[in-house]
Amino acid sequence: MRPFFQTHQKPMYERSNMSDTDSIENNAIDGEDEMGSLNHSTVQTNLAGWLKFKCDKKLAVMTELSLDISQYDLSEYRLDVKDELKPDVCAYINPPKVPDKEVDLLRVSQMPDLVIEILSPRQAISYLIRKVKAYFELGVKSCWLVVPSMEAIDIYSQPSQHKTFGISDTHLIDEVMEIQLPIQNVFSIINYP
């Protein structure tokens, strides 16, 4: 199976004949996009719900969890962050311990086993690829990069090794995490049994 990002025309950020102002995917945001969308929200909810309630593997699943990176130098990834990264969805095999039920953790220093990033409509995919590479440096075992508009999911087992799954596949398979998931459930607004 060819990786999604190698099967299509070069992204805007890789084309050499573009000016600097147009070089980031038609002026997409090279960073976090705080504005949500219907597709982004749907995919985020579907993935978190599936991993939490339907997955055979027992996982602690969180959305928008602030991961403490204050002790790391991730400047080589040009993420423009100092203290935290916030994945759309993350999952732990052994979750972090909350020291006190009355005092919540605002940032978690224990890195998750699985991180899922979902491309928003205005976001540059190059930013999320750099973010995936940073997650591996932090010790994350598996990263998923979801592109709702293409109904595609790249599952990274290493920073530069990934498999692409699309709507024509029946299941997505994460061999590192030993997870199989019916792909139709990821992109649909309608609930499936």
N, C-alpha and C. Protein backbone atom coordinates (compact mmCIF):
# COMPACT_ATOMS: atom_id res chain seq x y z
N MET A 1 0.85 -1.17 0.00
CA MET A 1 0.00 0.00 0.00
C MET A 1 0.90 1.24 0.00
N ARG A 2 0.69 2.16 -0.95
CA ARG A 2 1.51 3.37 -1.01
C ARG A 2 1.02 4.39 0.00
N PRO A 3 1.95 5.10 0.64
CA PRO A 3 1.54 6.14 1.59
C PRO A 3 0.70 7.20 0.91
N PHE A 4 -0.31 7.68 1.59
CA PHE A 4 -1.22 8.70 1.07
C PHE A 4 -0.46 9.90 0.54
N PHE A 5 0.56 10.34 1.26
CA PHE A 5 1.24 11.57 0.91
C PHE A 5 2.16 11.41 -0.29
N GLN A 6 2.37 10.17 -0.75
CA GLN A 6 3.18 9.94 -1.93
C GLN A 6 2.32 9.63 -3.15
N THR A 7 1.03 9.48 -2.97
CA THR A 7 0.18 9.11 -4.09
C THR A 7 -0.49 10.31 -4.75
N HIS A 8 -0.33 11.47 -4.18
CA HIS A 8 -0.98 12.66 -4.71
C HIS A 8 0.05 13.70 -5.11
N GLN A 9 -0.40 14.70 -5.81
CA GLN A 9 0.46 15.79 -6.21
C GLN A 9 1.17 16.37 -4.99
N LYS A 10 2.38 16.87 -5.21
CA LYS A 10 3.13 17.45 -4.10
C LYS A 10 2.31 18.53 -3.42
N PRO A 11 2.32 18.52 -2.08
CA PRO A 11 1.61 19.59 -1.36
C PRO A 11 2.19 20.95 -1.67
N MET A 12 1.41 21.98 -1.42
CA MET A 12 1.84 23.34 -1.72
C MET A 12 3.15 23.70 -1.03
N TYR A 13 3.38 23.20 0.18
CA TYR A 13 4.57 23.59 0.92
C TYR A 13 5.83 22.99 0.33
N GLU A 14 5.71 22.03 -0.61
CA GLU A 14 6.89 21.42 -1.22
C GLU A 14 7.18 21.97 -2.62
N ARG A 15 6.29 22.75 -3.18
CA ARG A 15 6.50 23.25 -4.53
C ARG A 15 7.48 24.41 -4.50
N SER A 16 8.44 24.37 -5.40
CA SER A 16 9.51 25.37 -5.37
C SER A 16 9.14 26.67 -6.08
N ASN A 17 8.13 26.69 -6.90
CA ASN A 17 7.80 27.90 -7.65
C ASN A 17 6.79 28.79 -6.95
N MET A 18 6.54 28.56 -5.69
CA MET A 18 5.57 29.36 -4.96
C MET A 18 6.30 30.44 -4.17
N SER A 19 5.64 31.58 -3.97
CA SER A 19 6.22 32.62 -3.12
C SER A 19 6.10 32.21 -1.66
N ASP A 20 6.85 32.90 -0.79
CA ASP A 20 6.82 32.57 0.63
C ASP A 20 5.42 32.68 1.22
N THR A 21 4.65 33.65 0.78
CA THR A 21 3.32 33.83 1.37
C THR A 21 2.36 32.73 0.95
N ASP A 22 2.59 32.11 -0.20
CA ASP A 22 1.72 31.04 -0.65
C ASP A 22 2.31 29.66 -0.40
N SER A 23 3.50 29.59 0.15
CA SER A 23 4.18 28.31 0.23
C SER A 23 3.63 27.37 1.29
N ILE A 24 2.84 27.82 2.20
CA ILE A 24 2.26 26.93 3.21
C ILE A 24 0.82 26.61 2.82
N GLU A 25 0.66 25.62 1.95
CA GLU A 25 -0.64 25.09 1.57
C GLU A 25 -1.75 26.13 1.47
N ASN A 26 -1.63 27.01 0.50
CA ASN A 26 -2.66 28.02 0.27
C ASN A 26 -2.98 28.83 1.52
N ASN A 27 -1.93 29.30 2.18
CA ASN A 27 -2.06 30.13 3.38
C ASN A 27 -2.68 29.39 4.57
N ALA A 28 -2.52 28.10 4.62
CA ALA A 28 -3.00 27.34 5.77
C ALA A 28 -2.19 27.72 7.00
N ILE A 29 -2.75 27.47 8.14
CA ILE A 29 -2.09 27.82 9.39
C ILE A 29 -0.98 26.81 9.67
N ASP A 30 0.25 27.32 9.85
CA ASP A 30 1.38 26.46 10.19
C ASP A 30 1.48 26.42 11.72
N GLY A 31 0.53 25.78 12.34
CA GLY A 31 0.44 25.72 13.79
C GLY A 31 -0.91 25.16 14.19
N GLU A 32 -1.26 25.36 15.44
CA GLU A 32 -2.55 24.87 15.93
C GLU A 32 -3.67 25.75 15.39
N ASP A 33 -4.77 25.11 15.01
CA ASP A 33 -5.96 25.82 14.56
C ASP A 33 -7.03 25.65 15.63
N GLU A 34 -7.35 26.73 16.31
CA GLU A 34 -8.31 26.67 17.41
C GLU A 34 -9.75 26.57 16.93
N MET A 35 -10.00 26.84 15.65
CA MET A 35 -11.36 26.79 15.14
C MET A 35 -11.68 25.36 14.71
N GLY A 36 -12.75 24.82 15.23
CA GLY A 36 -13.15 23.47 14.89
C GLY A 36 -13.95 23.42 13.60
N SER A 37 -14.32 22.23 13.22
CA SER A 37 -15.18 22.04 12.05
C SER A 37 -16.04 20.80 12.30
N LEU A 38 -17.06 20.64 11.51
CA LEU A 38 -17.95 19.49 11.65
C LEU A 38 -17.19 18.18 11.47
N ASN A 39 -16.41 18.09 10.39
CA ASN A 39 -15.67 16.85 10.13
C ASN A 39 -14.63 16.57 11.20
N HIS A 40 -13.88 17.59 11.60
CA HIS A 40 -12.85 17.41 12.63
C HIS A 40 -13.49 16.92 13.92
N SER A 41 -14.57 17.56 14.34
CA SER A 41 -15.25 17.20 15.57
C SER A 41 -15.83 15.78 15.50
N THR A 42 -16.42 15.45 14.37
CA THR A 42 -17.00 14.11 14.18
C THR A 42 -15.93 13.04 14.29
N VAL A 43 -14.82 13.23 13.58
CA VAL A 43 -13.74 12.25 13.60
C VAL A 43 -13.15 12.12 15.00
N GLN A 44 -12.94 13.25 15.66
CA GLN A 44 -12.38 13.24 17.01
C GLN A 44 -13.28 12.46 17.97
N THR A 45 -14.57 12.72 17.92
CA THR A 45 -15.53 12.04 18.79
C THR A 45 -15.60 10.55 18.46
N ASN A 46 -15.68 10.23 17.17
CA ASN A 46 -15.76 8.83 16.75
C ASN A 46 -14.55 8.03 17.20
N LEU A 47 -13.36 8.59 16.99
CA LEU A 47 -12.14 7.86 17.37
C LEU A 47 -12.03 7.69 18.88
N ALA A 48 -12.28 8.74 19.62
CA ALA A 48 -12.20 8.65 21.08
C ALA A 48 -13.23 7.65 21.62
N GLY A 49 -14.45 7.73 21.12
CA GLY A 49 -15.49 6.80 21.56
C GLY A 49 -15.18 5.37 21.21
N TRP A 50 -14.72 5.15 20.00
CA TRP A 50 -14.40 3.79 19.57
C TRP A 50 -13.29 3.21 20.42
N LEU A 51 -12.22 3.98 20.60
CA LEU A 51 -11.09 3.48 21.39
C LEU A 51 -11.49 3.23 22.84
N LYS A 52 -12.36 4.05 23.36
CA LYS A 52 -12.76 3.93 24.77
C LYS A 52 -13.75 2.78 25.00
N PHE A 53 -14.75 2.65 24.11
CA PHE A 53 -15.85 1.74 24.40
C PHE A 53 -15.93 0.49 23.53
N LYS A 54 -15.33 0.49 22.37
CA LYS A 54 -15.50 -0.64 21.46
C LYS A 54 -14.21 -1.40 21.18
N CYS A 55 -13.09 -0.81 21.49
CA CYS A 55 -11.80 -1.43 21.21
C CYS A 55 -11.58 -2.62 22.14
N ASP A 56 -11.01 -3.70 21.61
CA ASP A 56 -10.72 -4.89 22.41
C ASP A 56 -9.66 -4.61 23.47
N LYS A 57 -8.81 -3.67 23.20
CA LYS A 57 -7.73 -3.33 24.12
C LYS A 57 -8.25 -2.34 25.16
N LYS A 58 -7.91 -2.54 26.41
CA LYS A 58 -8.33 -1.62 27.47
C LYS A 58 -7.41 -0.41 27.47
N LEU A 59 -7.97 0.74 27.12
CA LEU A 59 -7.19 1.97 27.02
C LEU A 59 -7.84 3.08 27.83
N ALA A 60 -7.01 3.95 28.37
CA ALA A 60 -7.49 5.21 28.94
C ALA A 60 -7.39 6.23 27.81
N VAL A 61 -8.53 6.77 27.38
CA VAL A 61 -8.58 7.65 26.20
C VAL A 61 -8.94 9.06 26.64
N MET A 62 -8.19 10.04 26.12
CA MET A 62 -8.43 11.43 26.45
C MET A 62 -8.43 12.28 25.17
N THR A 63 -9.16 13.39 25.21
CA THR A 63 -9.11 14.35 24.11
C THR A 63 -8.52 15.65 24.63
N GLU A 64 -7.77 16.31 23.76
CA GLU A 64 -7.22 17.65 24.07
C GLU A 64 -6.44 17.68 25.39
N LEU A 65 -5.71 16.61 25.70
CA LEU A 65 -4.92 16.55 26.92
C LEU A 65 -3.62 17.33 26.74
N SER A 66 -3.29 18.19 27.67
CA SER A 66 -2.05 18.97 27.60
C SER A 66 -0.89 18.11 28.08
N LEU A 67 0.05 17.85 27.18
CA LEU A 67 1.23 17.06 27.51
C LEU A 67 2.37 18.01 27.85
N ASP A 68 2.99 17.81 28.99
CA ASP A 68 4.06 18.67 29.47
C ASP A 68 5.36 18.36 28.74
N ILE A 69 5.82 19.33 27.95
CA ILE A 69 7.08 19.16 27.21
C ILE A 69 8.12 20.17 27.67
N SER A 70 7.90 20.78 28.82
CA SER A 70 8.79 21.85 29.30
C SER A 70 10.22 21.38 29.52
N GLN A 71 10.44 20.09 29.70
CA GLN A 71 11.78 19.56 29.93
C GLN A 71 12.47 19.12 28.63
N TYR A 72 11.85 19.35 27.50
CA TYR A 72 12.38 18.90 26.20
C TYR A 72 12.67 20.10 25.31
N ASP A 73 13.66 19.94 24.45
CA ASP A 73 13.93 20.93 23.42
C ASP A 73 13.44 20.37 22.09
N LEU A 74 12.31 20.83 21.64
CA LEU A 74 11.73 20.37 20.38
C LEU A 74 11.83 21.44 19.29
N SER A 75 12.77 22.36 19.44
CA SER A 75 12.89 23.49 18.51
C SER A 75 13.17 23.03 17.08
N GLU A 76 13.83 21.91 16.89
CA GLU A 76 14.12 21.43 15.54
C GLU A 76 12.86 21.13 14.73
N TYR A 77 11.73 20.94 15.41
CA TYR A 77 10.48 20.61 14.72
C TYR A 77 9.66 21.85 14.35
N ARG A 78 10.12 23.03 14.76
CA ARG A 78 9.48 24.30 14.40
C ARG A 78 7.97 24.29 14.70
N LEU A 79 7.63 23.89 15.91
CA LEU A 79 6.23 23.83 16.32
C LEU A 79 5.77 25.08 17.04
N ASP A 80 6.71 25.95 17.38
CA ASP A 80 6.40 27.21 18.07
C ASP A 80 5.66 26.96 19.39
N VAL A 81 6.13 25.95 20.12
CA VAL A 81 5.58 25.64 21.44
C VAL A 81 6.74 25.47 22.42
N LYS A 82 6.49 25.79 23.68
CA LYS A 82 7.53 25.64 24.70
C LYS A 82 7.16 24.64 25.78
N ASP A 83 5.95 24.74 26.26
CA ASP A 83 5.59 24.01 27.46
C ASP A 83 4.65 22.82 27.27
N GLU A 84 3.86 22.84 26.19
CA GLU A 84 2.90 21.75 26.04
C GLU A 84 2.56 21.46 24.59
N LEU A 85 2.19 20.21 24.35
CA LEU A 85 1.59 19.78 23.10
C LEU A 85 0.22 19.23 23.47
N LYS A 86 -0.74 19.43 22.58
CA LYS A 86 -2.10 19.00 22.88
C LYS A 86 -2.65 18.20 21.69
N PRO A 87 -2.54 16.86 21.74
CA PRO A 87 -3.10 16.05 20.66
C PRO A 87 -4.62 16.06 20.67
N ASP A 88 -5.22 15.81 19.51
CA ASP A 88 -6.68 15.75 19.43
C ASP A 88 -7.22 14.60 20.28
N VAL A 89 -6.56 13.45 20.17
CA VAL A 89 -6.92 12.26 20.96
C VAL A 89 -5.62 11.59 21.38
N CYS A 90 -5.60 11.05 22.58
CA CYS A 90 -4.45 10.23 22.98
C CYS A 90 -4.96 9.09 23.85
N ALA A 91 -4.14 8.03 23.94
CA ALA A 91 -4.54 6.85 24.71
C ALA A 91 -3.35 6.27 25.45
N TYR A 92 -3.64 5.80 26.63
CA TYR A 92 -2.63 5.18 27.50
C TYR A 92 -3.01 3.73 27.78
N ILE A 93 -2.02 2.86 27.77
CA ILE A 93 -2.22 1.50 28.27
C ILE A 93 -2.23 1.56 29.80
N ASN A 94 -1.28 2.29 30.37
CA ASN A 94 -1.21 2.53 31.82
C ASN A 94 -1.34 4.04 32.02
N PRO A 95 -2.52 4.51 32.40
CA PRO A 95 -2.76 5.95 32.46
C PRO A 95 -2.00 6.63 33.59
N PRO A 96 -1.81 7.95 33.46
CA PRO A 96 -1.18 8.71 34.54
C PRO A 96 -2.06 8.68 35.79
N LYS A 97 -1.41 8.72 36.91
CA LYS A 97 -2.13 8.73 38.19
C LYS A 97 -2.45 10.16 38.58
N VAL A 98 -3.68 10.39 38.98
CA VAL A 98 -4.08 11.70 39.48
C VAL A 98 -3.74 11.71 40.97
N PRO A 99 -2.87 12.62 41.40
CA PRO A 99 -2.41 12.60 42.79
C PRO A 99 -3.52 12.85 43.81
N ASP A 100 -4.52 13.61 43.42
CA ASP A 100 -5.57 13.99 44.36
C ASP A 100 -6.84 14.24 43.54
N LYS A 101 -7.93 13.63 43.92
CA LYS A 101 -9.18 13.79 43.16
C LYS A 101 -9.66 15.24 43.10
N GLU A 102 -9.29 16.02 44.10
CA GLU A 102 -9.73 17.42 44.15
C GLU A 102 -8.82 18.36 43.39
N VAL A 103 -7.61 17.91 43.08
CA VAL A 103 -6.65 18.75 42.36
C VAL A 103 -6.31 18.05 41.05
N ASP A 104 -6.84 18.57 39.97
CA ASP A 104 -6.64 17.97 38.65
C ASP A 104 -5.25 18.31 38.12
N LEU A 105 -4.76 17.49 37.21
CA LEU A 105 -3.50 17.77 36.53
C LEU A 105 -3.78 18.64 35.31
N LEU A 106 -3.16 19.79 35.23
CA LEU A 106 -3.34 20.67 34.08
C LEU A 106 -2.46 20.26 32.92
N ARG A 107 -1.29 19.71 33.24
CA ARG A 107 -0.37 19.17 32.23
C ARG A 107 0.13 17.82 32.72
N VAL A 108 0.21 16.88 31.80
CA VAL A 108 0.63 15.53 32.14
C VAL A 108 2.02 15.29 31.56
N SER A 109 2.94 14.84 32.40
CA SER A 109 4.31 14.61 31.92
C SER A 109 4.49 13.20 31.35
N GLN A 110 3.64 12.26 31.73
CA GLN A 110 3.71 10.91 31.18
C GLN A 110 3.16 10.93 29.75
N MET A 111 3.98 10.53 28.80
CA MET A 111 3.55 10.55 27.41
C MET A 111 2.63 9.37 27.12
N PRO A 112 1.64 9.58 26.26
CA PRO A 112 0.71 8.50 25.91
C PRO A 112 1.38 7.46 25.02
N ASP A 113 0.73 6.31 24.90
CA ASP A 113 1.21 5.27 23.99
C ASP A 113 0.78 5.57 22.56
N LEU A 114 -0.39 6.17 22.40
CA LEU A 114 -0.97 6.48 21.09
C LEU A 114 -1.39 7.94 21.07
N VAL A 115 -1.06 8.62 19.97
CA VAL A 115 -1.49 10.00 19.75
C VAL A 115 -2.18 10.06 18.39
N ILE A 116 -3.30 10.78 18.34
CA ILE A 116 -4.02 10.97 17.08
C ILE A 116 -4.15 12.46 16.82
N GLU A 117 -3.69 12.88 15.65
CA GLU A 117 -3.83 14.26 15.19
C GLU A 117 -4.77 14.27 13.99
N ILE A 118 -5.70 15.21 13.98
CA ILE A 118 -6.69 15.33 12.92
C ILE A 118 -6.48 16.66 12.22
N LEU A 119 -6.29 16.62 10.93
CA LEU A 119 -6.07 17.84 10.14
C LEU A 119 -7.35 18.66 10.10
N SER A 120 -7.25 19.92 10.49
CA SER A 120 -8.41 20.81 10.38
C SER A 120 -8.37 21.49 9.01
N PRO A 121 -9.50 22.03 8.55
CA PRO A 121 -9.56 22.57 7.19
C PRO A 121 -8.56 23.68 6.89
N ARG A 122 -8.15 24.45 7.90
CA ARG A 122 -7.25 25.57 7.65
C ARG A 122 -5.81 25.27 8.05
N GLN A 123 -5.52 24.06 8.44
CA GLN A 123 -4.21 23.73 8.99
C GLN A 123 -3.28 23.15 7.93
N ALA A 124 -1.99 23.48 8.04
CA ALA A 124 -0.99 22.93 7.13
C ALA A 124 -0.63 21.52 7.57
N ILE A 125 -0.66 20.59 6.63
CA ILE A 125 -0.34 19.21 6.97
C ILE A 125 1.12 19.07 7.37
N SER A 126 1.97 19.94 6.84
CA SER A 126 3.40 19.89 7.20
C SER A 126 3.59 20.10 8.70
N TYR A 127 2.76 20.93 9.31
CA TYR A 127 2.84 21.16 10.75
C TYR A 127 2.55 19.86 11.51
N LEU A 128 1.50 19.16 11.11
CA LEU A 128 1.14 17.93 11.81
C LEU A 128 2.17 16.83 11.59
N ILE A 129 2.80 16.80 10.44
CA ILE A 129 3.86 15.81 10.20
C ILE A 129 5.05 16.09 11.12
N ARG A 130 5.40 17.37 11.27
CA ARG A 130 6.48 17.72 12.21
C ARG A 130 6.08 17.36 13.64
N LYS A 131 4.83 17.57 13.96
CA LYS A 131 4.33 17.26 15.30
C LYS A 131 4.40 15.75 15.57
N VAL A 132 4.06 14.94 14.58
CA VAL A 132 4.17 13.48 14.70
C VAL A 132 5.61 13.09 15.01
N LYS A 133 6.55 13.69 14.30
CA LYS A 133 7.97 13.38 14.55
C LYS A 133 8.37 13.77 15.97
N ALA A 134 7.87 14.88 16.46
CA ALA A 134 8.17 15.30 17.83
C ALA A 134 7.59 14.31 18.84
N TYR A 135 6.40 13.81 18.58
CA TYR A 135 5.80 12.84 19.50
C TYR A 135 6.68 11.61 19.66
N PHE A 136 7.25 11.14 18.55
CA PHE A 136 8.13 9.98 18.65
C PHE A 136 9.37 10.29 19.48
N GLU A 137 9.91 11.49 19.35
CA GLU A 137 11.05 11.87 20.18
C GLU A 137 10.67 11.86 21.67
N LEU A 138 9.42 12.16 21.96
CA LEU A 138 8.94 12.18 23.34
C LEU A 138 8.64 10.78 23.90
N GLY A 139 8.69 9.76 23.03
CA GLY A 139 8.48 8.39 23.49
C GLY A 139 7.13 7.79 23.16
N VAL A 140 6.32 8.48 22.37
CA VAL A 140 5.03 7.93 21.95
C VAL A 140 5.31 6.74 21.03
N LYS A 141 4.50 5.67 21.15
CA LYS A 141 4.74 4.44 20.39
C LYS A 141 4.11 4.46 19.00
N SER A 142 2.95 5.11 18.87
CA SER A 142 2.21 5.10 17.61
C SER A 142 1.49 6.43 17.43
N CYS A 143 1.48 6.93 16.19
CA CYS A 143 0.79 8.19 15.88
C CYS A 143 -0.09 7.99 14.65
N TRP A 144 -1.30 8.52 14.74
CA TRP A 144 -2.21 8.51 13.60
C TRP A 144 -2.39 9.94 13.12
N LEU A 145 -2.31 10.13 11.82
CA LEU A 145 -2.57 11.42 11.20
C LEU A 145 -3.80 11.25 10.31
N VAL A 146 -4.89 11.91 10.69
CA VAL A 146 -6.18 11.74 10.03
C VAL A 146 -6.47 12.95 9.15
N VAL A 147 -6.85 12.68 7.90
CA VAL A 147 -7.21 13.74 6.96
C VAL A 147 -8.68 13.54 6.58
N PRO A 148 -9.60 14.20 7.29
CA PRO A 148 -11.03 13.98 7.06
C PRO A 148 -11.48 14.24 5.63
N SER A 149 -10.97 15.28 5.00
CA SER A 149 -11.43 15.62 3.64
C SER A 149 -11.08 14.54 2.63
N MET A 150 -10.04 13.76 2.89
CA MET A 150 -9.63 12.68 2.00
C MET A 150 -10.08 11.31 2.53
N GLU A 151 -10.71 11.31 3.70
CA GLU A 151 -11.10 10.07 4.38
C GLU A 151 -9.92 9.10 4.42
N ALA A 152 -8.79 9.62 4.90
CA ALA A 152 -7.55 8.84 4.96
C ALA A 152 -6.91 8.96 6.34
N ILE A 153 -6.26 7.88 6.74
CA ILE A 153 -5.54 7.86 8.02
C ILE A 153 -4.18 7.24 7.78
N ASP A 154 -3.14 7.99 8.11
CA ASP A 154 -1.78 7.46 8.10
C ASP A 154 -1.44 7.01 9.51
N ILE A 155 -1.05 5.75 9.65
CA ILE A 155 -0.65 5.23 10.95
C ILE A 155 0.86 5.09 10.94
N TYR A 156 1.50 5.90 11.79
CA TYR A 156 2.96 5.93 11.89
C TYR A 156 3.41 4.98 13.00
N SER A 157 4.34 4.09 12.64
CA SER A 157 4.95 3.21 13.64
C SER A 157 6.34 3.72 14.00
N GLN A 158 6.86 4.61 13.18
CA GLN A 158 8.13 5.31 13.39
C GLN A 158 8.00 6.66 12.70
N PRO A 159 8.91 7.60 12.99
CA PRO A 159 8.76 8.95 12.41
C PRO A 159 8.64 8.98 10.89
N SER A 160 9.29 8.09 10.19
CA SER A 160 9.22 8.13 8.72
C SER A 160 8.66 6.83 8.14
N GLN A 161 7.97 6.05 8.94
CA GLN A 161 7.38 4.81 8.45
C GLN A 161 5.89 4.79 8.79
N HIS A 162 5.07 4.74 7.75
CA HIS A 162 3.62 4.75 7.98
C HIS A 162 2.88 3.98 6.91
N LYS A 163 1.67 3.56 7.26
CA LYS A 163 0.76 2.92 6.32
C LYS A 163 -0.48 3.79 6.23
N THR A 164 -1.03 3.85 5.04
CA THR A 164 -2.23 4.66 4.82
C THR A 164 -3.44 3.77 4.64
N PHE A 165 -4.51 4.16 5.31
CA PHE A 165 -5.78 3.46 5.19
C PHE A 165 -6.83 4.46 4.73
N GLY A 166 -7.67 4.03 3.80
CA GLY A 166 -8.72 4.89 3.28
C GLY A 166 -10.07 4.22 3.38
N ILE A 167 -11.08 4.92 2.93
CA ILE A 167 -12.45 4.45 3.05
C ILE A 167 -12.68 3.16 2.26
N SER A 168 -11.81 2.86 1.29
CA SER A 168 -11.94 1.62 0.54
C SER A 168 -11.42 0.41 1.33
N ASP A 169 -10.68 0.67 2.41
CA ASP A 169 -10.25 -0.41 3.30
C ASP A 169 -11.39 -0.71 4.28
N THR A 170 -11.52 -1.95 4.68
CA THR A 170 -12.57 -2.28 5.65
C THR A 170 -12.16 -1.90 7.06
N HIS A 171 -10.89 -2.08 7.39
CA HIS A 171 -10.39 -1.78 8.73
C HIS A 171 -9.08 -1.02 8.65
N LEU A 172 -8.83 -0.21 9.65
CA LEU A 172 -7.49 0.32 9.82
C LEU A 172 -6.83 -0.56 10.87
N ILE A 173 -5.53 -0.77 10.72
CA ILE A 173 -4.81 -1.67 11.61
C ILE A 173 -3.56 -0.97 12.12
N ASP A 174 -3.47 -0.86 13.43
CA ASP A 174 -2.28 -0.34 14.09
C ASP A 174 -1.58 -1.54 14.71
N GLU A 175 -0.52 -1.99 14.04
CA GLU A 175 0.19 -3.18 14.51
C GLU A 175 0.93 -2.94 15.82
N VAL A 176 1.44 -1.74 16.02
CA VAL A 176 2.18 -1.43 17.25
C VAL A 176 1.25 -1.51 18.46
N MET A 177 0.08 -0.90 18.34
CA MET A 177 -0.88 -0.87 19.46
C MET A 177 -1.81 -2.08 19.46
N GLU A 178 -1.74 -2.90 18.41
CA GLU A 178 -2.61 -4.07 18.26
C GLU A 178 -4.08 -3.66 18.28
N ILE A 179 -4.40 -2.68 17.43
CA ILE A 179 -5.76 -2.16 17.33
C ILE A 179 -6.27 -2.35 15.91
N GLN A 180 -7.50 -2.85 15.78
CA GLN A 180 -8.22 -2.90 14.50
C GLN A 180 -9.52 -2.14 14.69
N LEU A 181 -9.85 -1.35 13.69
CA LEU A 181 -11.02 -0.49 13.81
C LEU A 181 -11.70 -0.41 12.45
N PRO A 182 -13.02 -0.65 12.37
CA PRO A 182 -13.73 -0.48 11.10
C PRO A 182 -13.64 0.97 10.64
N ILE A 183 -13.06 1.18 9.49
CA ILE A 183 -12.76 2.55 9.06
C ILE A 183 -14.03 3.35 8.76
N GLN A 184 -15.12 2.69 8.37
CA GLN A 184 -16.36 3.43 8.10
C GLN A 184 -16.84 4.17 9.33
N ASN A 185 -16.51 3.66 10.52
CA ASN A 185 -16.93 4.30 11.77
C ASN A 185 -16.20 5.60 12.05
N VAL A 186 -15.05 5.80 11.45
CA VAL A 186 -14.24 6.98 11.73
C VAL A 186 -14.85 8.25 11.15
N PHE A 187 -15.31 8.19 9.92
CA PHE A 187 -15.71 9.39 9.18
C PHE A 187 -17.21 9.64 9.15
N SER A 188 -18.02 8.74 9.65
CA SER A 188 -19.46 8.86 9.54
C SER A 188 -20.07 9.61 10.72
N ILE A 189 -21.03 10.47 10.43
CA ILE A 189 -21.79 11.16 11.47
C ILE A 189 -22.81 10.20 12.08
N ILE A 190 -23.23 9.22 11.30
CA ILE A 190 -24.22 8.24 11.75
C ILE A 190 -23.52 7.18 12.60
N ASN A 191 -24.17 6.76 13.67
CA ASN A 191 -23.61 5.71 14.52
C ASN A 191 -23.79 4.35 13.87
N TYR A 192 -22.76 3.52 13.99
CA TYR A 192 -22.84 2.15 13.52
C TYR A 192 -22.85 1.23 14.73
N PRO A 193 -23.49 0.08 14.62
CA PRO A 193 -23.52 -0.86 15.76
C PRO A 193 -22.14 -1.40 16.08
